[in-house]
Protein backbone atom coordinates (compact mmCIF):
# COMPACT_ATOMS: atom_id res chain seq x y z
CA MET A 1 -2.11 49.36 -24.61
CA SER A 2 -5.33 48.14 -22.96
CA GLU A 3 -5.08 44.97 -25.05
CA LEU A 4 -1.62 44.30 -23.61
CA VAL A 5 -2.91 44.82 -20.06
CA ASN A 6 -5.81 42.43 -20.77
CA ILE A 7 -3.40 39.81 -22.14
CA ASP A 8 -1.20 40.25 -19.08
CA LYS A 9 -4.22 39.91 -16.80
CA ASN A 10 -5.40 36.78 -18.60
CA TYR A 11 -1.87 35.43 -18.63
CA SER A 12 -1.50 36.10 -14.91
CA THR A 13 -4.73 34.23 -14.14
CA TRP A 14 -3.73 31.34 -16.41
CA LEU A 15 -0.26 31.21 -14.84
CA LYS A 16 -1.80 30.96 -11.36
CA GLU A 17 -3.94 28.04 -12.54
CA ILE A 18 -0.90 26.28 -14.00
CA LYS A 19 1.08 26.79 -10.78
CA ASN A 20 -1.81 25.40 -8.77
CA LYS A 21 -1.96 22.32 -11.01
CA VAL A 22 1.79 21.81 -10.70
CA ARG A 23 1.36 21.78 -6.92
CA THR A 24 -1.71 19.54 -6.77
CA VAL A 25 -0.97 16.92 -9.44
CA PRO A 26 1.83 15.21 -7.43
CA GLN A 27 -0.50 15.04 -4.42
CA LYS A 28 -3.26 13.50 -6.52
CA ALA A 29 -0.78 11.01 -7.97
CA ALA A 30 0.42 10.03 -4.50
CA VAL A 31 -3.16 9.48 -3.34
CA LYS A 32 -3.86 7.32 -6.41
CA VAL A 33 -0.70 5.27 -5.84
CA ASN A 34 -1.60 4.77 -2.17
CA SER A 35 -5.10 3.71 -3.14
CA GLU A 36 -3.75 1.15 -5.60
CA MET A 37 -1.28 -0.17 -3.02
CA LEU A 38 -4.08 -0.57 -0.47
CA ASN A 39 -6.11 -2.50 -3.04
CA PHE A 40 -3.10 -4.70 -3.75
CA TYR A 41 -2.50 -5.39 -0.04
CA TRP A 42 -6.22 -6.11 0.47
CA GLU A 43 -6.17 -8.66 -2.36
CA LEU A 44 -2.89 -10.11 -1.08
CA GLY A 45 -4.42 -10.53 2.39
CA ALA A 46 -7.42 -12.30 0.86
CA ASP A 47 -5.15 -14.51 -1.25
CA ILE A 48 -3.02 -15.42 1.75
CA MET A 49 -6.13 -16.38 3.72
CA GLU A 50 -7.43 -18.50 0.85
CA LYS A 51 -4.11 -20.25 0.24
CA GLN A 52 -3.54 -20.91 3.94
CA ALA A 53 -7.02 -22.38 4.26
CA THR A 54 -6.60 -24.78 1.35
CA ALA A 55 -2.88 -25.46 1.15
CA LYS A 56 -0.97 -28.28 2.76
CA TRP A 57 2.27 -26.37 2.98
CA GLY A 58 2.43 -26.28 6.74
CA ASN A 59 3.75 -23.48 8.90
CA GLY A 60 6.42 -22.42 6.41
CA PHE A 61 3.95 -20.83 3.99
CA LEU A 62 4.61 -17.18 4.89
CA SER A 63 8.36 -17.76 5.10
CA LYS A 64 8.31 -19.32 1.63
CA LEU A 65 6.16 -16.51 0.24
CA ASN A 66 8.45 -13.93 1.84
CA HIS A 67 11.54 -15.60 0.37
CA ASP A 68 10.05 -15.92 -3.12
CA LEU A 69 8.74 -12.34 -3.28
CA MET A 70 11.99 -10.88 -1.94
CA ALA A 71 13.97 -12.90 -4.50
CA GLU A 72 11.81 -11.63 -7.36
CA PHE A 73 11.54 -8.02 -6.14
CA PRO A 74 14.73 -7.32 -4.15
CA ASP A 75 14.35 -3.54 -4.28
CA MET A 76 10.76 -3.51 -3.00
CA LYS A 77 9.99 -3.14 0.67
CA GLY A 78 6.96 -4.67 2.35
CA PHE A 79 7.33 -8.39 1.74
CA SER A 80 8.97 -9.37 5.01
CA LYS A 81 7.34 -12.21 6.90
CA ARG A 82 6.22 -9.74 9.54
CA ASN A 83 4.56 -7.51 6.94
CA LEU A 84 2.83 -10.49 5.33
CA VAL A 85 1.44 -11.43 8.76
CA LEU A 86 0.25 -7.84 9.25
CA ILE A 87 -1.34 -7.76 5.78
CA ARG A 88 -3.22 -10.95 6.66
CA GLN A 89 -4.33 -9.53 10.02
CA TRP A 90 -5.38 -6.25 8.42
CA TYR A 91 -7.54 -8.16 5.95
CA LEU A 92 -9.06 -10.23 8.77
CA PHE A 93 -9.73 -7.16 10.90
CA TYR A 94 -11.68 -5.39 8.18
CA MET A 95 -13.55 -8.55 7.27
CA LYS A 96 -15.00 -8.35 10.80
CA GLU A 97 -13.32 -11.60 11.76
CA LYS A 98 -11.08 -11.93 14.75
CA PRO A 99 -7.49 -12.54 13.72
CA ILE A 100 -5.77 -15.45 15.37
CA ALA A 101 -2.76 -13.98 17.09
CA GLN A 102 -0.47 -14.62 20.00
CA GLN A 103 -0.75 -12.65 23.19
CA ALA A 104 0.77 -9.18 22.87
CA VAL A 105 3.70 -9.97 25.17
CA SER A 106 4.79 -12.97 23.14
CA GLN A 107 4.50 -10.93 19.93
CA LEU A 108 6.99 -8.43 21.33
CA ILE A 109 9.49 -11.13 22.25
CA GLN A 110 9.22 -13.29 19.13
CA VAL A 111 11.78 -12.68 16.41
CA TYR A 112 10.71 -13.25 12.84
């Protein structure tokens, strides 16, 4: 009988550990996904800066990039022209450079 109680006690402890893992694994996965997305956006911001500095595409670069990415990945969010501008500014901000932007009032009025 004491062996059965010991098994039940061990089982109960093990079951608690499993339940805890079931609760924490999705959170860890979400953090990992967010981390990878931030790395992707960081690299995208750097790539945008590099391409804009060297390309001769003119002012339509972000519109073209937006169009091409949306065409390839229609179910993904985050590739609007506005988001691409924000990704670029986020990269610039954390590179300790001042982003070139319009005055705040004109940003509110402008439609992308």
